PDB file of N, CA and C in Angstrom:
ATOM      1  N   MET A   1    -171.928   7.436 118.527  1.00  0.00           N
ATOM      2  CA  MET A   1    -170.733   7.675 117.732  1.00  0.00           C
ATOM      3  C   MET A   1    -169.674   8.430 118.546  1.00  0.00           C
ATOM      4  N   ASN A   2    -170.100   9.485 119.275  1.00  0.00           N
ATOM      5  CA  ASN A   2    -169.139  10.232 120.089  1.00  0.00           C
ATOM      6  C   ASN A   2    -168.469   9.336 121.119  1.00  0.00           C
ATOM      7  N   ARG A   3    -169.221   8.394 121.690  1.00  0.00           N
ATOM      8  CA  ARG A   3    -168.661   7.493 122.700  1.00  0.00           C
ATOM      9  C   ARG A   3    -167.510   6.695 122.119  1.00  0.00           C
ATOM     10  N   LYS A   4    -167.679   6.178 120.902  1.00  0.00           N
ATOM     11  CA  LYS A   4    -166.609   5.391 120.268  1.00  0.00           C
ATOM     12  C   LYS A   4    -165.391   6.261 119.963  1.00  0.00           C
ATOM     13  N   ILE A   5    -165.622   7.484 119.536  1.00  0.00           N
ATOM     14  CA  ILE A   5    -164.512   8.400 119.258  1.00  0.00           C
ATOM     15  C   ILE A   5    -163.773   8.727 120.551  1.00  0.00           C
ATOM     16  N   ILE A   6    -164.522   8.983 121.617  1.00  0.00           N
ATOM     17  CA  ILE A   6    -163.899   9.297 122.906  1.00  0.00           C
ATOM     18  C   ILE A   6    -163.108   8.096 123.422  1.00  0.00           C
ATOM     19  N   GLU A   7    -163.633   6.890 123.254  1.00  0.00           N
ATOM     20  CA  GLU A   7    -162.892   5.691 123.665  1.00  0.00           C
ATOM     21  C   GLU A   7    -161.581   5.572 122.886  1.00  0.00           C
ATOM     22  N   TYR A   8    -161.627   5.843 121.576  1.00  0.00           N
ATOM     23  CA  TYR A   8    -160.413   5.787 120.748  1.00  0.00           C
ATOM     24  C   TYR A   8    -159.403   6.832 121.226  1.00  0.00           C
ATOM     25  N   ILE A   9    -159.881   8.032 121.496  1.00  0.00           N
ATOM     26  CA  ILE A   9    -158.998   9.102 121.971  1.00  0.00           C
ATOM     27  C   ILE A   9    -158.387   8.719 123.312  1.00  0.00           C
ATOM     28  N   ASP A  10    -159.206   8.169 124.217  1.00  0.00           N
ATOM     29  CA  ASP A  10    -158.691   7.749 125.528  1.00  0.00           C
ATOM     30  C   ASP A  10    -157.593   6.696 125.382  1.00  0.00           C
ATOM     31  N   GLU A  11    -157.776   5.767 124.461  1.00  0.00           N
ATOM     32  CA  GLU A  11    -156.736   4.757 124.224  1.00  0.00           C
ATOM     33  C   GLU A  11    -155.429   5.414 123.790  1.00  0.00           C
ATOM     34  N   LYS A  12    -155.535   6.390 122.897  1.00  0.00           N
ATOM     35  CA  LYS A  12    -154.338   7.098 122.426  1.00  0.00           C
ATOM     36  C   LYS A  12    -153.690   7.905 123.546  1.00  0.00           C
ATOM     37  N   LEU A  13    -154.520   8.509 124.403  1.00  0.00           N
ATOM     38  CA  LEU A  13    -153.975   9.300 125.499  1.00  0.00           C
ATOM     39  C   LEU A  13    -153.236   8.434 126.513  1.00  0.00           C
ATOM     40  N   MET A  14    -153.669   7.213 126.702  1.00  0.00           N
ATOM     41  CA  MET A  14    -153.052   6.323 127.673  1.00  0.00           C
ATOM     42  C   MET A  14    -151.899   5.507 127.086  1.00  0.00           C
ATOM     43  N   SER A  15    -151.745   5.537 125.782  1.00  0.00           N
ATOM     44  CA  SER A  15    -150.718   4.740 125.124  1.00  0.00           C
ATOM     45  C   SER A  15    -149.332   5.341 125.341  1.00  0.00           C
ATOM     46  N   MET A  16    -148.378   4.492 125.567  1.00  0.00           N
ATOM     47  CA  MET A  16    -146.991   4.934 125.714  1.00  0.00           C
ATOM     48  C   MET A  16    -146.312   5.110 124.354  1.00  0.00           C
ATOM     49  N   ASP A  17    -146.953   4.650 123.288  1.00  0.00           N
ATOM     50  CA  ASP A  17    -146.354   4.707 121.955  1.00  0.00           C
ATOM     51  C   ASP A  17    -146.653   6.020 121.230  1.00  0.00           C
ATOM     52  N   VAL A  18    -147.489   6.852 121.810  1.00  0.00           N
ATOM     53  CA  VAL A  18    -147.901   8.089 121.152  1.00  0.00           C
ATOM     54  C   VAL A  18    -146.977   9.224 121.582  1.00  0.00           C
ATOM     55  N   ASP A  19    -146.506   9.983 120.616  1.00  0.00           N
ATOM     56  CA  ASP A  19    -145.647  11.132 120.860  1.00  0.00           C
ATOM     57  C   ASP A  19    -146.400  12.156 121.727  1.00  0.00           C
ATOM     58  N   PRO A  20    -145.716  12.848 122.646  1.00  0.00           N
ATOM     59  CA  PRO A  20    -146.395  13.833 123.501  1.00  0.00           C
ATOM     60  C   PRO A  20    -147.135  14.920 122.724  1.00  0.00           C
ATOM     61  N   THR A  21    -146.582  15.343 121.609  1.00  0.00           N
ATOM     62  CA  THR A  21    -147.265  16.345 120.792  1.00  0.00           C
ATOM     63  C   THR A  21    -148.560  15.786 120.224  1.00  0.00           C
ATOM     64  N   GLU A  22    -148.524  14.546 119.797  1.00  0.00           N
ATOM     65  CA  GLU A  22    -149.723  13.895 119.280  1.00  0.00           C
ATOM     66  C   GLU A  22    -150.755  13.716 120.397  1.00  0.00           C
ATOM     67  N   GLN A  23    -150.291  13.424 121.613  1.00  0.00           N
ATOM     68  CA  GLN A  23    -151.206  13.309 122.745  1.00  0.00           C
ATOM     69  C   GLN A  23    -151.910  14.634 123.010  1.00  0.00           C
ATOM     70  N   LEU A  24    -151.203  15.736 122.841  1.00  0.00           N
ATOM     71  CA  LEU A  24    -151.814  17.051 123.012  1.00  0.00           C
ATOM     72  C   LEU A  24    -152.953  17.249 122.015  1.00  0.00           C
ATOM     73  N   VAL A  25    -152.728  16.830 120.777  1.00  0.00           N
ATOM     74  CA  VAL A  25    -153.776  16.935 119.751  1.00  0.00           C
ATOM     75  C   VAL A  25    -154.986  16.096 120.155  1.00  0.00           C
ATOM     76  N   PHE A  26    -154.749  14.888 120.657  1.00  0.00           N
ATOM     77  CA  PHE A  26    -155.863  14.045 121.100  1.00  0.00           C
ATOM     78  C   PHE A  26    -156.575  14.671 122.295  1.00  0.00           C
ATOM     79  N   PHE A  27    -155.821  15.297 123.195  1.00  0.00           N
ATOM     80  CA  PHE A  27    -156.420  15.955 124.355  1.00  0.00           C
ATOM     81  C   PHE A  27    -157.345  17.090 123.909  1.00  0.00           C
ATOM     82  N   ILE A  28    -156.887  17.904 122.972  1.00  0.00           N
ATOM     83  CA  ILE A  28    -157.697  19.008 122.461  1.00  0.00           C
ATOM     84  C   ILE A  28    -158.936  18.471 121.747  1.00  0.00           C
ATOM     85  N   ALA A  29    -158.780  17.397 120.994  1.00  0.00           N
ATOM     86  CA  ALA A  29    -159.925  16.787 120.317  1.00  0.00           C
ATOM     87  C   ALA A  29    -160.955  16.301 121.330  1.00  0.00           C
ATOM     88  N   LYS A  30    -160.495  15.704 122.418  1.00  0.00           N
ATOM     89  CA  LYS A  30    -161.427  15.228 123.441  1.00  0.00           C
ATOM     90  C   LYS A  30    -162.147  16.398 124.090  1.00  0.00           C
ATOM     91  N   MET A  31    -161.422  17.456 124.381  1.00  0.00           N
ATOM     92  CA  MET A  31    -162.070  18.648 124.951  1.00  0.00           C
ATOM     93  C   MET A  31    -163.166  19.177 124.038  1.00  0.00           C
ATOM     94  N   ALA A  32    -162.902  19.181 122.751  1.00  0.00           N
ATOM     95  CA  ALA A  32    -163.888  19.678 121.795  1.00  0.00           C
ATOM     96  C   ALA A  32    -165.145  18.816 121.785  1.00  0.00           C
ATOM     97  N   LEU A  33    -165.002  17.530 122.089  1.00  0.00           N
ATOM     98  CA  LEU A  33    -166.154  16.627 122.095  1.00  0.00           C
ATOM     99  C   LEU A  33    -166.945  16.671 123.395  1.00  0.00           C
ATOM    100  N   ILE A  34    -166.281  16.920 124.514  1.00  0.00           N
ATOM    101  CA  ILE A  34    -166.975  16.783 125.792  1.00  0.00           C
ATOM    102  C   ILE A  34    -167.323  18.100 126.473  1.00  0.00           C
ATOM    103  N   SER A  35    -166.840  19.225 125.981  1.00  0.00           N
ATOM    104  CA  SER A  35    -167.115  20.489 126.661  1.00  0.00           C
ATOM    105  C   SER A  35    -167.550  21.568 125.681  1.00  0.00           C
ATOM    106  N   GLN A  36    -168.211  22.559 126.233  1.00  0.00           N
ATOM    107  CA  GLN A  36    -168.643  23.711 125.448  1.00  0.00           C
ATOM    108  C   GLN A  36    -167.598  24.813 125.567  1.00  0.00           C
ATOM    109  N   PRO A  37    -167.322  25.534 124.485  1.00  0.00           N
ATOM    110  CA  PRO A  37    -166.388  26.660 124.596  1.00  0.00           C
ATOM    111  C   PRO A  37    -166.971  27.726 125.528  1.00  0.00           C
ATOM    112  N   SER A  38    -166.111  28.402 126.261  1.00  0.00           N
ATOM    113  CA  SER A  38    -166.574  29.474 127.135  1.00  0.00           C
ATOM    114  C   SER A  38    -166.727  30.779 126.361  1.00  0.00           C
ATOM    115  N   VAL A  39    -165.967  30.907 125.290  1.00  0.00           N
ATOM    116  CA  VAL A  39    -166.041  32.107 124.460  1.00  0.00           C
ATOM    117  C   VAL A  39    -165.484  31.768 123.072  1.00  0.00           C
ATOM    118  N   TRP A  40    -165.896  32.525 122.093  1.00  0.00           N
ATOM    119  CA  TRP A  40    -165.364  32.383 120.735  1.00  0.00           C
ATOM    120  C   TRP A  40    -164.568  33.636 120.429  1.00  0.00           C
ATOM    121  N   ILE A  41    -163.503  33.483 119.649  1.00  0.00           N
ATOM    122  CA  ILE A  41    -162.667  34.633 119.314  1.00  0.00           C
ATOM    123  C   ILE A  41    -162.528  34.728 117.801  1.00  0.00           C
ATOM    124  N   VAL A  42    -162.643  35.956 117.293  1.00  0.00           N
ATOM    125  CA  VAL A  42    -162.447  36.218 115.867  1.00  0.00           C
ATOM    126  C   VAL A  42    -161.000  36.664 115.714  1.00  0.00           C
ATOM    127  N   LYS A  43    -160.226  35.924 114.912  1.00  0.00           N
ATOM    128  CA  LYS A  43    -158.789  36.147 114.803  1.00  0.00           C
ATOM    129  C   LYS A  43    -158.408  36.674 113.420  1.00  0.00           C
ATOM    130  N   ASP A  44    -157.299  37.408 113.404  1.00  0.00           N
ATOM    131  CA  ASP A  44    -156.643  37.864 112.169  1.00  0.00           C
ATOM    132  C   ASP A  44    -157.512  38.752 111.292  1.00  0.00           C
ATOM    133  N   MET A  45    -158.342  39.575 111.902  1.00  0.00           N
ATOM    134  CA  MET A  45    -159.068  40.558 111.092  1.00  0.00           C
ATOM    135  C   MET A  45    -158.103  41.677 110.735  1.00  0.00           C
ATOM    136  N   PRO A  46    -158.197  42.193 109.528  1.00  0.00           N
ATOM    137  CA  PRO A  46    -157.243  43.228 109.116  1.00  0.00           C
ATOM    138  C   PRO A  46    -157.312  44.473 110.017  1.00  0.00           C
ATOM    139  N   TYR A  47    -156.164  44.890 110.530  1.00  0.00           N
ATOM    140  CA  TYR A  47    -156.017  46.108 111.326  1.00  0.00           C
ATOM    141  C   TYR A  47    -156.848  46.110 112.604  1.00  0.00           C
ATOM    142  N   LYS A  48    -157.199  44.947 113.128  1.00  0.00           N
ATOM    143  CA  LYS A  48    -157.975  44.883 114.368  1.00  0.00           C
ATOM    144  C   LYS A  48    -157.359  43.851 115.299  1.00  0.00           C
ATOM    145  N   ILE A  49    -157.589  44.046 116.587  1.00  0.00           N
ATOM    146  CA  ILE A  49    -157.142  43.049 117.552  1.00  0.00           C
ATOM    147  C   ILE A  49    -158.144  41.894 117.552  1.00  0.00           C
ATOM    148  N   ASP A  50    -157.754  40.774 118.134  1.00  0.00           N
ATOM    149  CA  ASP A  50    -158.658  39.641 118.229  1.00  0.00           C
ATOM    150  C   ASP A  50    -159.896  40.044 119.032  1.00  0.00           C
ATOM    151  N   THR A  51    -161.063  39.613 118.569  1.00  0.00           N
ATOM    152  CA  THR A  51    -162.323  40.022 119.174  1.00  0.00           C
ATOM    153  C   THR A  51    -163.011  38.838 119.847  1.00  0.00           C
ATOM    154  N   PRO A  52    -163.174  38.864 121.183  1.00  0.00           N
ATOM    155  CA  PRO A  52    -163.891  37.777 121.855  1.00  0.00           C
ATOM    156  C   PRO A  52    -165.403  37.971 121.753  1.00  0.00           C
ATOM    157  N   CYS A  53    -166.137  36.872 121.642  1.00  0.00           N
ATOM    158  CA  CYS A  53    -167.595  36.890 121.553  1.00  0.00           C
ATOM    159  C   CYS A  53    -168.163  35.798 122.445  1.00  0.00           C
ATOM    160  N   LEU A  54    -169.303  36.058 123.073  1.00  0.00           N
ATOM    161  CA  LEU A  54    -169.909  35.077 123.965  1.00  0.00           C
ATOM    162  C   LEU A  54    -170.625  33.954 123.228  1.00  0.00           C
ATOM    163  N   THR A  55    -171.013  34.195 121.977  1.00  0.00           N
ATOM    164  CA  THR A  55    -171.706  33.151 121.214  1.00  0.00           C
ATOM    165  C   THR A  55    -171.032  32.960 119.857  1.00  0.00           C
ATOM    166  N   LYS A  56    -171.197  31.764 119.326  1.00  0.00           N
ATOM    167  CA  LYS A  56    -170.629  31.475 118.011  1.00  0.00           C
ATOM    168  C   LYS A  56    -171.319  32.305 116.937  1.00  0.00           C
ATOM    169  N   SER A  57    -172.632  32.504 117.077  1.00  0.00           N
ATOM    170  CA  SER A  57    -173.355  33.273 116.060  1.00  0.00           C
ATOM    171  C   SER A  57    -172.868  34.719 116.004  1.00  0.00           C
ATOM    172  N   LYS A  58    -172.558  35.320 117.162  1.00  0.00           N
ATOM    173  CA  LYS A  58    -172.027  36.685 117.182  1.00  0.00           C
ATOM    174  C   LYS A  58    -170.638  36.718 116.546  1.00  0.00           C
ATOM    175  N   ALA A  59    -169.811  35.704 116.821  1.00  0.00           N
ATOM    176  CA  ALA A  59    -168.480  35.639 116.214  1.00  0.00           C
ATOM    177  C   ALA A  59    -168.588  35.516 114.697  1.00  0.00           C
ATOM    178  N   GLU A  60    -169.528  34.690 114.224  1.00  0.00           N
ATOM    179  CA  GLU A  60    -169.729  34.548 112.773  1.00  0.00           C
ATOM    180  C   GLU A  60    -170.210  35.855 112.159  1.00  0.00           C
ATOM    181  N   GLU A  61    -171.070  36.572 112.875  1.00  0.00           N
ATOM    182  CA  GLU A  61    -171.566  37.863 112.383  1.00  0.00           C
ATOM    183  C   GLU A  61    -170.420  38.862 112.217  1.00  0.00           C
ATOM    184  N   ILE A  62    -169.556  38.946 113.231  1.00  0.00           N
ATOM    185  CA  ILE A  62    -168.402  39.861 113.164  1.00  0.00           C
ATOM    186  C   ILE A  62    -167.445  39.426 112.060  1.00  0.00           C
ATOM    187  N   LEU A  63    -167.216  38.119 111.934  1.00  0.00           N
ATOM    188  CA  LEU A  63    -166.340  37.599 110.887  1.00  0.00           C
ATOM    189  C   LEU A  63    -166.870  37.974 109.512  1.00  0.00           C
ATOM    190  N   ASN A  64    -168.164  37.788 109.298  1.00  0.00           N
ATOM    191  CA  ASN A  64    -168.760  38.115 108.000  1.00  0.00           C
ATOM    192  C   ASN A  64    -168.745  39.605 107.718  1.00  0.00           C
ATOM    193  N   ARG A  65    -168.882  40.411 108.757  1.00  0.00           N
ATOM    194  CA  ARG A  65    -168.951  41.859 108.566  1.00  0.00           C
ATOM    195  C   ARG A  65    -167.565  42.493 108.399  1.00  0.00           C
ATOM    196  N   HIS A  66    -166.575  42.001 109.170  1.00  0.00           N
ATOM    197  CA  HIS A  66    -165.280  42.692 109.210  1.00  0.00           C
ATOM    198  C   HIS A  66    -164.088  41.843 108.787  1.00  0.00           C
ATOM    199  N   GLY A  67    -164.272  40.552 108.613  1.00  0.00           N
ATOM    200  CA  GLY A  67    -163.150  39.670 108.308  1.00  0.00           C
ATOM    201  C   GLY A  67    -162.763  39.682 106.841  1.00  0.00           C
ATOM    202  N   ASP A  68    -161.626  39.065 106.560  1.00  0.00           N
ATOM    203  CA  ASP A  68    -161.205  38.878 105.178  1.00  0.00           C
ATOM    204  C   ASP A  68    -160.946  37.391 104.958  1.00  0.00           C
ATOM    205  N   ALA A  69    -160.296  37.037 103.875  1.00  0.00           N
ATOM    206  CA  ALA A  69    -160.072  35.632 103.520  1.00  0.00           C
ATOM    207  C   ALA A  69    -159.189  34.904 104.532  1.00  0.00           C
ATOM    208  N   HIS A  70    -158.400  35.651 105.308  1.00  0.00           N
ATOM    209  CA  HIS A  70    -157.493  35.031 106.281  1.00  0.00           C
ATOM    210  C   HIS A  70    -158.067  35.028 107.700  1.00  0.00           C
ATOM    211  N   SER A  71    -159.216  35.620 107.908  1.00  0.00           N
ATOM    212  CA  SER A  71    -159.827  35.677 109.230  1.00  0.00           C
ATOM    213  C   SER A  71    -160.537  34.369 109.536  1.00  0.00           C
ATOM    214  N   TYR A  72    -160.648  34.063 110.828  1.00  0.00           N
ATOM    215  CA  TYR A  72    -161.332  32.839 111.246  1.00  0.00           C
ATOM    216  C   TYR A  72    -161.808  32.986 112.683  1.00  0.00           C
ATOM    217  N   ILE A  73    -162.697  32.073 113.103  1.00  0.00           N
ATOM    218  CA  ILE A  73    -163.111  32.057 114.498  1.00  0.00           C
ATOM    219  C   ILE A  73    -162.539  30.806 115.162  1.00  0.00           C
ATOM    220  N   ALA A  74    -162.289  30.928 116.466  1.00  0.00           N
ATOM    221  CA  ALA A  74    -161.724  29.799 117.216  1.00  0.00           C
ATOM    222  C   ALA A  74    -162.406  29.723 118.581  1.00  0.00           C
ATOM    223  N   PRO A  75    -162.682  28.507 119.048  1.00  0.00           N
ATOM    224  CA  PRO A  75    -163.270  28.373 120.384  1.00  0.00           C
ATOM    225  C   PRO A  75    -162.194  28.492 121.460  1.00  0.00           C
ATOM    226  N   LEU A  76    -162.552  29.073 122.573  1.00  0.00           N
ATOM    227  CA  LEU A  76    -161.663  29.136 123.726  1.00  0.00           C
ATOM    228  C   LEU A  76    -162.360  28.438 124.886  1.00  0.00           C
ATOM    229  N   TYR A  77    -161.607  27.670 125.648  1.00  0.00           N
ATOM    230  CA  TYR A  77    -162.147  26.901 126.761  1.00  0.00           C
ATOM    231  C   TYR A  77    -161.581  27.435 128.064  1.00  0.00           C
ATOM    232  N   TYR A  78    -162.334  27.230 129.137  1.00  0.00           N
ATOM    233  CA  TYR A  78    -161.788  27.536 130.454  1.00  0.00           C
ATOM    234  C   TYR A  78    -160.552  26.675 130.671  1.00  0.00           C
ATOM    235  N   VAL A  79    -159.604  27.189 131.387  1.00  0.00           N
ATOM    236  CA  VAL A  79    -158.395  26.432 131.671  1.00  0.00           C
ATOM    237  C   VAL A  79    -158.722  25.391 132.740  1.00  0.00           C
ATOM    238  N   ALA A  80    -158.339  24.178 132.493  1.00  0.00           N
ATOM    239  CA  ALA A  80    -158.522  23.105 133.461  1.00  0.00           C
ATOM    240  C   ALA A  80    -157.162  22.723 134.004  1.00  0.00           C
ATOM    241  N   LYS A  81    -157.003  22.783 135.315  1.00  0.00           N
ATOM    242  CA  LYS A  81    -155.733  22.408 135.914  1.00  0.00           C
ATOM    243  C   LYS A  81    -155.682  20.895 136.026  1.00  0.00           C
ATOM    244  N   ALA A  82    -154.608  20.315 135.569  1.00  0.00           N
ATOM    245  CA  ALA A  82    -154.459  18.860 135.625  1.00  0.00           C
ATOM    246  C   ALA A  82    -153.013  18.523 135.954  1.00  0.00           C
ATOM    247  N   ASP A  83    -152.845  17.506 136.750  1.00  0.00           N
ATOM    248  CA  ASP A  83    -151.512  16.985 137.008  1.00  0.00           C
ATOM    249  C   ASP A  83    -151.190  15.961 135.940  1.00  0.00           C
ATOM    250  N   ILE A  84    -150.066  16.124 135.279  1.00  0.00           N
ATOM    251  CA  ILE A  84    -149.681  15.213 134.225  1.00  0.00           C
ATOM    252  C   ILE A  84    -148.409  14.504 134.670  1.00  0.00           C
ATOM    253  N   ASN A  85    -148.487  13.205 134.730  1.00  0.00           N
ATOM    254  CA  ASN A  85    -147.343  12.400 135.134  1.00  0.00           C
ATOM    255  C   ASN A  85    -146.553  11.984 133.907  1.00  0.00           C
ATOM    256  N   ASN A  86    -145.262  12.114 133.992  1.00  0.00           N
ATOM    257  CA  ASN A  86    -144.395  11.683 132.912  1.00  0.00           C
ATOM    258  C   ASN A  86    -143.922  10.282 133.263  1.00  0.00           C
ATOM    259  N   MET A  87    -144.677   9.288 132.823  1.00  0.00           N
ATOM    260  CA  MET A  87    -144.331   7.908 133.121  1.00  0.00           C
ATOM    261  C   MET A  87    -143.465   7.354 132.002  1.00  0.00           C
ATOM    262  N   GLU A  88    -142.376   6.751 132.380  1.00  0.00           N
ATOM    263  CA  GLU A  88    -141.510   6.138 131.390  1.00  0.00           C
ATOM    264  C   GLU A  88    -141.558   4.627 131.571  1.00  0.00           C
ATOM    265  N   GLN A  89    -141.522   3.932 130.464  1.00  0.00           N
ATOM    266  CA  GLN A  89    -141.532   2.472 130.523  1.00  0.00           C
ATOM    267  C   GLN A  89    -140.171   1.957 130.962  1.00  0.00           C
ATOM    268  N   ASP A  90    -140.208   0.891 131.758  1.00  0.00           N
ATOM    269  CA  ASP A  90    -138.955   0.236 132.118  1.00  0.00           C
ATOM    270  C   ASP A  90    -138.437  -0.553 130.929  1.00  0.00           C
ATOM    271  N   THR A  91    -137.162  -0.452 130.689  1.00  0.00           N
ATOM    272  CA  THR A  91    -136.598  -1.185 129.541  1.00  0.00           C
ATOM    273  C   THR A  91    -135.847  -2.407 129.992  1.00  0.00           C
TER     274      THR A  91
END
C-alpha cells in the first residue's frame, strides 16, 4: 500500500500542473512515509517553551501530563539538502 501511495506522490511531485505549495505538501507527506523522525516536539503547552523528546512515547507522556486542549506533538526530521530546479514549460 505504501508503495502505491509513494508512486502517486512521486507523480504529483514531477507534475508541472501542481502548484508549488501543493508540491511542498506532497514532499512532506513522502518524507513522513519513507523516513523516521529524528525527534518529537511537544508544542503549545501553556506557559512553557516547546519541549523536544527523543521518542514519541516520551512526547505523549509529557503532553498528557502538562498539555492542554491546544497542545500537540509534531515530528521533526533531519534537514535534507536538495537542489530544486525551477523548470518552466515552453509555451
